[in-house]
Amino acid sequence: MANSRAAAAEEIFDLLMGNEVAPRRDFIVDGARNIDRARIDV
């Protein structure tokens, strides 16, 4: 289980810190659709 969690974390890290912009943008946009706006402190 720890190896699968570490692999998943590494995959997300590579996605967010990598050189390719399009996959990072898609990840952020897709995640933004799932935000519970009532939980945002503005």
PDB file of N, CA and C in Angstrom:
ATOM      1  N   MET A   1       0.828  -1.200   0.000  1.00  0.00           N
ATOM      2  CA  MET A   1       0.000   0.000   0.000  1.00  0.00           C
ATOM      3  C   MET A   1       0.865   1.252   0.000  1.00  0.00           C
ATOM      4  N   ALA A   2       1.913   1.274   0.805  1.00  0.00           N
ATOM      5  CA  ALA A   2       2.779   2.450   0.871  1.00  0.00           C
ATOM      6  C   ALA A   2       3.435   2.719  -0.477  1.00  0.00           C
ATOM      7  N   ASN A   3       3.810   1.658  -1.198  1.00  0.00           N
ATOM      8  CA  ASN A   3       4.430   1.841  -2.508  1.00  0.00           C
ATOM      9  C   ASN A   3       3.455   2.446  -3.507  1.00  0.00           C
ATOM     10  N   SER A   4       2.202   2.024  -3.467  1.00  0.00           N
ATOM     11  CA  SER A   4       1.220   2.576  -4.399  1.00  0.00           C
ATOM     12  C   SER A   4       0.924   4.038  -4.076  1.00  0.00           C
ATOM     13  N   ARG A   5       0.905   4.370  -2.787  1.00  0.00           N
ATOM     14  CA  ARG A   5       0.682   5.772  -2.399  1.00  0.00           C
ATOM     15  C   ARG A   5       1.871   6.635  -2.795  1.00  0.00           C
ATOM     16  N   ALA A   6       3.067   6.096  -2.627  1.00  0.00           N
ATOM     17  CA  ALA A   6       4.270   6.829  -3.023  1.00  0.00           C
ATOM     18  C   ALA A   6       4.313   7.023  -4.532  1.00  0.00           C
ATOM     19  N   ALA A   7       3.922   5.999  -5.271  1.00  0.00           N
ATOM     20  CA  ALA A   7       3.890   6.102  -6.731  1.00  0.00           C
ATOM     21  C   ALA A   7       2.862   7.135  -7.177  1.00  0.00           C
ATOM     22  N   ALA A   8       1.709   7.145  -6.527  1.00  0.00           N
ATOM     23  CA  ALA A   8       0.674   8.124  -6.867  1.00  0.00           C
ATOM     24  C   ALA A   8       1.145   9.534  -6.548  1.00  0.00           C
ATOM     25  N   ALA A   9       1.806   9.703  -5.416  1.00  0.00           N
ATOM     26  CA  ALA A   9       2.322  11.019  -5.038  1.00  0.00           C
ATOM     27  C   ALA A   9       3.386  11.480  -6.029  1.00  0.00           C
ATOM     28  N   GLU A  10       4.245  10.577  -6.442  1.00  0.00           N
ATOM     29  CA  GLU A  10       5.286  10.928  -7.410  1.00  0.00           C
ATOM     30  C   GLU A  10       4.679  11.316  -8.752  1.00  0.00           C
ATOM     31  N   GLU A  11       3.636  10.607  -9.147  1.00  0.00           N
ATOM     32  CA  GLU A  11       2.964  10.922 -10.409  1.00  0.00           C
ATOM     33  C   GLU A  11       2.354  12.323 -10.376  1.00  0.00           C
ATOM     34  N   ILE A  12       1.683  12.666  -9.282  1.00  0.00           N
ATOM     35  CA  ILE A  12       1.089  13.999  -9.146  1.00  0.00           C
ATOM     36  C   ILE A  12       2.180  15.069  -9.083  1.00  0.00           C
ATOM     37  N   PHE A  13       3.249  14.792  -8.345  1.00  0.00           N
ATOM     38  CA  PHE A  13       4.355  15.741  -8.259  1.00  0.00           C
ATOM     39  C   PHE A  13       4.940  16.001  -9.642  1.00  0.00           C
ATOM     40  N   ASP A  14       5.185  14.938 -10.400  1.00  0.00           N
ATOM     41  CA  ASP A  14       5.725  15.091 -11.752  1.00  0.00           C
ATOM     42  C   ASP A  14       4.768  15.878 -12.639  1.00  0.00           C
ATOM     43  N   LEU A  15       3.478  15.643 -12.478  1.00  0.00           N
ATOM     44  CA  LEU A  15       2.484  16.362 -13.264  1.00  0.00           C
ATOM     45  C   LEU A  15       2.523  17.857 -12.958  1.00  0.00           C
ATOM     46  N   LEU A  16       2.564  18.196 -11.669  1.00  0.00           N
ATOM     47  CA  LEU A  16       2.501  19.600 -11.270  1.00  0.00           C
ATOM     48  C   LEU A  16       3.822  20.342 -11.427  1.00  0.00           C
ATOM     49  N   MET A  17       4.936  19.637 -11.339  1.00  0.00           N
ATOM     50  CA  MET A  17       6.240  20.293 -11.399  1.00  0.00           C
ATOM     51  C   MET A  17       6.976  20.045 -12.717  1.00  0.00           C
ATOM     52  N   GLY A  18       6.370  19.283 -13.605  1.00  0.00           N
ATOM     53  CA  GLY A  18       7.022  18.935 -14.863  1.00  0.00           C
ATOM     54  C   GLY A  18       7.062  20.092 -15.850  1.00  0.00           C
ATOM     55  N   ASN A  19       7.672  19.826 -16.989  1.00  0.00           N
ATOM     56  CA  ASN A  19       7.850  20.848 -18.016  1.00  0.00           C
ATOM     57  C   ASN A  19       6.642  21.012 -18.928  1.00  0.00           C
ATOM     58  N   GLU A  20       5.746  20.046 -18.920  1.00  0.00           N
ATOM     59  CA  GLU A  20       4.591  20.116 -19.810  1.00  0.00           C
ATOM     60  C   GLU A  20       3.461  20.911 -19.160  1.00  0.00           C
ATOM     61  N   VAL A  21       3.020  21.946 -19.845  1.00  0.00           N
ATOM     62  CA  VAL A  21       2.012  22.849 -19.300  1.00  0.00           C
ATOM     63  C   VAL A  21       0.592  22.298 -19.459  1.00  0.00           C
ATOM     64  N   ALA A  22       0.288  21.728 -20.605  1.00  0.00           N
ATOM     65  CA  ALA A  22      -1.084  21.296 -20.894  1.00  0.00           C
ATOM     66  C   ALA A  22      -1.623  20.294 -19.864  1.00  0.00           C
ATOM     67  N   PRO A  23      -0.881  19.248 -19.491  1.00  0.00           N
ATOM     68  CA  PRO A  23      -1.421  18.316 -18.501  1.00  0.00           C
ATOM     69  C   PRO A  23      -1.629  18.971 -17.130  1.00  0.00           C
ATOM     70  N   ARG A  24      -0.744  19.890 -16.771  1.00  0.00           N
ATOM     71  CA  ARG A  24      -0.880  20.605 -15.491  1.00  0.00           C
ATOM     72  C   ARG A  24      -2.127  21.472 -15.502  1.00  0.00           C
ATOM     73  N   ARG A  25      -2.329  22.185 -16.606  1.00  0.00           N
ATOM     74  CA  ARG A  25      -3.519  23.034 -16.740  1.00  0.00           C
ATOM     75  C   ARG A  25      -4.789  22.195 -16.672  1.00  0.00           C
ATOM     76  N   ASP A  26      -4.804  21.073 -17.375  1.00  0.00           N
ATOM     77  CA  ASP A  26      -5.977  20.197 -17.363  1.00  0.00           C
ATOM     78  C   ASP A  26      -6.267  19.687 -15.961  1.00  0.00           C
ATOM     79  N   PHE A  27      -5.220  19.320 -15.216  1.00  0.00           N
ATOM     80  CA  PHE A  27      -5.383  18.841 -13.840  1.00  0.00           C
ATOM     81  C   PHE A  27      -6.010  19.927 -12.968  1.00  0.00           C
ATOM     82  N   ILE A  28      -5.523  21.146 -13.099  1.00  0.00           N
ATOM     83  CA  ILE A  28      -6.021  22.257 -12.285  1.00  0.00           C
ATOM     84  C   ILE A  28      -7.467  22.601 -12.662  1.00  0.00           C
ATOM     85  N   VAL A  29      -7.758  22.666 -13.937  1.00  0.00           N
ATOM     86  CA  VAL A  29      -9.110  23.004 -14.391  1.00  0.00           C
ATOM     87  C   VAL A  29     -10.101  21.929 -13.960  1.00  0.00           C
ATOM     88  N   ASP A  30      -9.728  20.655 -14.140  1.00  0.00           N
ATOM     89  CA  ASP A  30     -10.619  19.566 -13.727  1.00  0.00           C
ATOM     90  C   ASP A  30     -10.860  19.602 -12.221  1.00  0.00           C
ATOM     91  N   GLY A  31      -9.827  19.888 -11.442  1.00  0.00           N
ATOM     92  CA  GLY A  31      -9.973  19.972  -9.993  1.00  0.00           C
ATOM     93  C   GLY A  31     -10.833  21.150  -9.577  1.00  0.00           C
ATOM     94  N   ALA A  32     -10.734  22.238 -10.314  1.00  0.00           N
ATOM     95  CA  ALA A  32     -11.510  23.433  -9.981  1.00  0.00           C
ATOM     96  C   ALA A  32     -13.008  23.181 -10.127  1.00  0.00           C
ATOM     97  N   ARG A  33     -13.372  22.294 -11.001  1.00  0.00           N
ATOM     98  CA  ARG A  33     -14.795  21.980 -11.189  1.00  0.00           C
ATOM     99  C   ARG A  33     -15.385  21.267  -9.985  1.00  0.00           C
ATOM    100  N   ASN A  34     -14.533  20.649  -9.191  1.00  0.00           N
ATOM    101  CA  ASN A  34     -14.995  19.859  -8.042  1.00  0.00           C
ATOM    102  C   ASN A  34     -14.917  20.608  -6.717  1.00  0.00           C
ATOM    103  N   ILE A  35     -14.582  21.884  -6.744  1.00  0.00           N
ATOM    104  CA  ILE A  35     -14.440  22.665  -5.523  1.00  0.00           C
ATOM    105  C   ILE A  35     -15.805  22.964  -4.922  1.00  0.00           C
ATOM    106  N   ASP A  36     -15.906  22.795  -3.606  1.00  0.00           N
ATOM    107  CA  ASP A  36     -17.105  23.184  -2.879  1.00  0.00           C
ATOM    108  C   ASP A  36     -16.940  24.667  -2.529  1.00  0.00           C
ATOM    109  N   ARG A  37     -17.574  25.517  -3.284  1.00  0.00           N
ATOM    110  CA  ARG A  37     -17.378  26.967  -3.130  1.00  0.00           C
ATOM    111  C   ARG A  37     -17.795  27.479  -1.748  1.00  0.00           C
ATOM    112  N   ALA A  38     -18.656  26.759  -1.069  1.00  0.00           N
ATOM    113  CA  ALA A  38     -19.080  27.165   0.271  1.00  0.00           C
ATOM    114  C   ALA A  38     -17.946  27.022   1.286  1.00  0.00           C
ATOM    115  N   ARG A  39     -16.940  26.213   0.973  1.00  0.00           N
ATOM    116  CA  ARG A  39     -15.827  25.999   1.897  1.00  0.00           C
ATOM    117  C   ARG A  39     -14.674  26.969   1.684  1.00  0.00           C
ATOM    118  N   ILE A  40     -14.779  27.840   0.683  1.00  0.00           N
ATOM    119  CA  ILE A  40     -13.710  28.795   0.402  1.00  0.00           C
ATOM    120  C   ILE A  40     -13.899  30.026   1.275  1.00  0.00           C
ATOM    121  N   ASP A  41     -12.845  30.384   1.970  1.00  0.00           N
ATOM    122  CA  ASP A  41     -12.881  31.569   2.834  1.00  0.00           C
ATOM    123  C   ASP A  41     -12.395  32.769   2.050  1.00  0.00           C
ATOM    124  N   VAL A  42     -13.326  33.642   1.706  1.00  0.00           N
ATOM    125  CA  VAL A  42     -12.957  34.844   0.952  1.00  0.00           C
ATOM    126  C   VAL A  42     -13.250  36.095   1.717  1.00  0.00           C
TER     127      VAL A  42
END
